[in-house]
Amino acid sequence: MARGTIYKVTFRRRREGRTDYHLRKRLISSRKFRLVVRKTNSHVSLQLVESKIEGDRALSHASTNELKKYGWKAGTGNLPASYLAGFLLGKRAVAKGYKYAILDLNRYKITKENRLLAAMKGAIDAGLEVPHDEKVLPKDERVTGAHIVKHAEKLSREDPNKYQAYFSRYVSAGIAPERLQEHFKAVKGQIEKEVM
């Protein structure tokens, strides 16, 4: 609310709740590269960003959209796809000579074992150093999609109609959800081979 005759309008992104400028100032003042992770319902994208006076400069980029080039047939909005996108970014960054970054999640809430942290774990496993607490990272079983496999197996036994409805995209793409872990390992191996 305005108090008095002089009123200063706050930044639009602050009014909309899209940017925490205090956090952004601390991240930029650190003078370290930032691992910027953003998500939508169906994708996760990552950038390694260098902050300059004239603006941010993306040094490396990866997204779950790019996983199709490496043979990924499953969904792009799940935990295994997020990990693979982080792994891809980490490999590209290390190949360009970047070794260290700090995580920038902006206003996303940090919950244990979510897609954003899976993407960070992928970048760490690729060789990028990111300060973190091991407790919040997803376990290896979840990263490889074991939880999806268990759910698919349970549904195929108990309710085949629900199984068809939930996993129709997997089936139409030519991958059985029960074989997701093997598919994950194959795509990860392909990324390791192609990105040096």
Protein backbone atom coordinates (compact mmCIF):
# COMPACT_ATOMS: atom_id res chain seq x y z
CA MET A 1 0.00 0.00 0.00
CA ALA A 2 1.14 3.53 -0.71
CA ARG A 3 1.94 5.70 2.28
CA GLY A 4 2.22 9.38 1.48
CA THR A 5 2.56 11.17 -1.83
CA ILE A 6 5.67 9.34 -3.08
CA TYR A 7 5.23 5.71 -4.03
CA LYS A 8 7.89 3.50 -5.60
CA VAL A 9 6.59 0.59 -7.66
CA THR A 10 8.46 -2.65 -6.93
CA PHE A 11 9.98 -4.71 -9.72
CA ARG A 12 7.41 -6.66 -11.72
CA ARG A 13 9.13 -10.01 -11.13
CA ARG A 14 9.11 -9.34 -7.37
CA ARG A 15 5.41 -8.40 -7.44
CA GLU A 16 4.62 -11.62 -9.33
CA GLY A 17 6.71 -13.66 -6.89
CA ARG A 18 9.00 -14.92 -9.67
CA THR A 19 12.38 -13.61 -8.45
CA ASP A 20 13.91 -13.37 -5.00
CA TYR A 21 16.29 -10.46 -5.53
CA HIS A 22 18.00 -10.85 -2.14
CA LEU A 23 18.91 -14.46 -2.97
CA ARG A 24 19.94 -13.49 -6.51
CA LYS A 25 22.25 -10.77 -5.15
CA ARG A 26 23.94 -13.27 -2.80
CA LEU A 27 24.41 -15.79 -5.61
CA ILE A 28 25.85 -13.22 -8.00
CA SER A 29 28.08 -11.70 -5.29
CA SER A 30 29.69 -15.11 -4.75
CA ARG A 31 31.32 -14.72 -8.23
CA LYS A 32 30.92 -18.45 -8.84
CA PHE A 33 29.24 -20.17 -11.75
CA ARG A 34 25.60 -20.99 -11.07
CA LEU A 35 23.88 -24.26 -11.90
CA VAL A 36 20.42 -22.94 -12.77
CA VAL A 37 17.69 -25.59 -12.71
CA ARG A 38 14.14 -24.84 -13.87
CA LYS A 39 11.15 -27.13 -14.36
CA THR A 40 7.76 -27.31 -16.01
CA ASN A 41 5.24 -30.13 -15.71
CA SER A 42 6.80 -32.00 -18.62
CA HIS A 43 10.45 -30.85 -18.78
CA VAL A 44 13.51 -29.86 -16.77
CA SER A 45 16.17 -27.54 -18.14
CA LEU A 46 19.59 -26.71 -16.74
CA GLN A 47 22.15 -24.04 -17.50
CA LEU A 48 25.62 -23.32 -16.23
CA VAL A 49 25.56 -19.52 -15.93
CA GLU A 50 28.24 -16.90 -15.43
CA SER A 51 27.03 -13.56 -14.03
CA LYS A 52 28.47 -10.38 -15.49
CA ILE A 53 27.64 -6.70 -15.06
CA GLU A 54 26.10 -6.59 -18.53
CA GLY A 55 23.99 -9.69 -17.81
CA ASP A 56 24.07 -13.44 -17.37
CA ARG A 57 25.89 -15.62 -19.90
CA ALA A 58 24.99 -19.29 -20.37
CA LEU A 59 28.14 -21.41 -20.63
CA SER A 60 26.43 -24.75 -21.08
CA HIS A 61 22.85 -25.93 -21.43
CA ALA A 62 20.89 -29.20 -21.30
CA SER A 63 17.23 -30.12 -21.24
CA THR A 64 15.12 -33.25 -21.02
CA ASN A 65 14.01 -32.43 -24.60
CA GLU A 66 17.51 -33.31 -25.83
CA LEU A 67 17.43 -36.83 -24.41
CA LYS A 68 15.66 -38.15 -27.53
CA LYS A 69 18.93 -37.68 -29.44
CA TYR A 70 20.53 -40.19 -27.09
CA GLY A 71 17.72 -42.76 -27.42
CA TRP A 72 15.46 -41.80 -24.50
CA LYS A 73 11.91 -43.02 -25.21
CA ALA A 74 10.27 -42.58 -21.81
CA GLY A 75 8.65 -39.42 -20.41
CA THR A 76 10.65 -36.22 -20.01
CA GLY A 77 9.00 -34.96 -16.83
CA ASN A 78 10.06 -37.73 -14.48
CA LEU A 79 12.95 -38.25 -12.07
CA PRO A 80 15.14 -40.45 -14.33
CA ALA A 81 14.87 -37.95 -17.21
CA SER A 82 15.81 -35.09 -14.87
CA TYR A 83 18.88 -37.01 -13.69
CA LEU A 84 19.94 -37.72 -17.29
CA ALA A 85 19.55 -34.03 -18.27
CA GLY A 86 21.74 -33.08 -15.28
CA PHE A 87 24.24 -35.76 -16.27
CA LEU A 88 24.31 -34.40 -19.83
CA LEU A 89 24.90 -30.84 -18.62
CA GLY A 90 27.62 -32.00 -16.22
CA LYS A 91 29.45 -33.88 -18.98
CA ARG A 92 29.27 -30.87 -21.31
CA ALA A 93 30.45 -28.46 -18.60
CA VAL A 94 33.37 -30.66 -17.55
CA ALA A 95 34.36 -31.15 -21.21
CA LYS A 96 34.54 -27.34 -21.55
CA GLY A 97 36.73 -27.09 -18.45
CA TYR A 98 34.20 -25.95 -15.84
CA LYS A 99 34.54 -27.82 -12.57
CA TYR A 100 32.58 -25.97 -9.87
CA ALA A 101 29.13 -24.38 -9.54
CA ILE A 102 26.58 -23.42 -6.91
CA LEU A 103 22.93 -24.43 -7.18
CA ASP A 104 20.37 -21.78 -8.16
CA LEU A 105 16.77 -22.93 -7.72
CA ASN A 106 15.34 -19.39 -7.43
CA ARG A 107 12.00 -19.67 -5.63
CA TYR A 108 11.44 -23.43 -5.88
CA LYS A 109 10.94 -25.14 -2.55
CA ILE A 110 13.53 -27.79 -1.75
CA THR A 111 11.82 -31.05 -0.94
CA LYS A 112 13.67 -34.29 -0.45
CA GLU A 113 14.31 -36.37 -3.59
CA ASN A 114 12.57 -34.11 -6.14
CA ARG A 115 13.29 -33.65 -9.87
CA LEU A 116 15.42 -30.55 -9.35
CA LEU A 117 17.71 -32.35 -6.93
CA ALA A 118 17.83 -35.37 -9.25
CA ALA A 119 19.12 -33.04 -11.99
CA MET A 120 21.76 -31.71 -9.60
CA LYS A 121 22.76 -35.28 -8.69
CA GLY A 122 23.22 -36.02 -12.39
CA ALA A 123 25.54 -33.04 -12.78
CA ILE A 124 27.51 -34.12 -9.69
CA ASP A 125 27.85 -37.69 -10.97
CA ALA A 126 29.16 -36.29 -14.28
CA GLY A 127 32.03 -34.59 -12.44
CA LEU A 128 30.73 -31.11 -11.64
CA GLU A 129 31.34 -30.06 -8.03
CA VAL A 130 28.21 -28.59 -6.41
CA PRO A 131 27.98 -28.00 -2.63
CA HIS A 132 25.13 -30.11 -1.26
CA ASP A 133 23.88 -32.28 1.58
CA GLU A 134 23.74 -36.00 0.72
CA LYS A 135 20.50 -36.40 2.72
CA VAL A 136 18.39 -34.45 0.23
CA LEU A 137 19.60 -36.20 -2.93
CA PRO A 138 17.42 -38.97 -4.39
CA LYS A 139 18.58 -42.53 -3.85
CA ASP A 140 20.04 -44.45 -6.80
CA GLU A 141 16.96 -46.72 -7.03
CA ARG A 142 14.68 -43.72 -7.54
CA VAL A 143 17.07 -42.12 -10.02
CA THR A 144 17.04 -45.22 -12.21
CA GLY A 145 13.23 -45.41 -12.06
CA ALA A 146 12.71 -48.35 -9.68
CA HIS A 147 9.63 -46.65 -8.21
CA ILE A 148 8.07 -46.38 -11.70
CA VAL A 149 8.85 -50.04 -12.42
CA LYS A 150 7.25 -51.18 -9.14
CA HIS A 151 4.15 -49.12 -9.83
CA ALA A 152 3.87 -50.49 -13.39
CA GLU A 153 4.25 -54.09 -12.21
CA LYS A 154 1.63 -53.58 -9.50
CA LEU A 155 -0.86 -52.00 -11.91
CA SER A 156 -0.34 -54.64 -14.60
CA ARG A 157 -1.28 -57.32 -12.05
CA GLU A 158 -4.12 -55.53 -10.28
CA ASP A 159 -5.76 -53.29 -12.89
CA PRO A 160 -4.74 -53.69 -16.55
CA ASN A 161 -7.05 -50.83 -17.64
CA LYS A 162 -5.31 -48.36 -15.33
CA TYR A 163 -1.97 -49.73 -16.50
CA GLN A 164 -2.91 -48.96 -20.12
CA ALA A 165 -4.13 -45.48 -19.17
CA TYR A 166 -1.08 -44.55 -17.06
CA PHE A 167 1.61 -46.00 -19.29
CA SER A 168 0.12 -45.57 -22.77
CA ARG A 169 2.90 -43.17 -23.83
CA TYR A 170 5.58 -45.66 -22.79
CA VAL A 171 3.89 -48.47 -24.71
CA SER A 172 3.30 -46.32 -27.83
CA ALA A 173 6.97 -45.23 -27.74
CA GLY A 174 8.01 -48.88 -27.78
CA ILE A 175 9.30 -49.26 -24.24
CA ALA A 176 7.76 -51.39 -21.51
CA PRO A 177 7.71 -49.45 -18.23
CA GLU A 178 8.93 -52.59 -16.46
CA ARG A 179 12.20 -52.29 -18.41
CA LEU A 180 12.77 -48.60 -17.60
CA GLN A 181 15.88 -49.22 -15.49
CA GLU A 182 17.64 -51.05 -18.33
CA HIS A 183 16.62 -48.29 -20.74
CA PHE A 184 17.97 -45.67 -18.31
CA LYS A 185 21.37 -47.41 -18.12
CA ALA A 186 21.58 -47.68 -21.91
CA VAL A 187 20.84 -43.97 -22.42
CA LYS A 188 23.30 -42.97 -19.68
CA GLY A 189 25.97 -45.06 -21.40
CA GLN A 190 25.16 -43.40 -24.72
CA ILE A 191 25.58 -39.93 -23.15
CA GLU A 192 28.95 -40.98 -21.66
CA LYS A 193 30.14 -42.21 -25.07
CA GLU A 194 29.02 -39.21 -27.11
CA VAL A 195 29.83 -36.33 -24.73
CA MET A 196 33.52 -36.07 -23.94
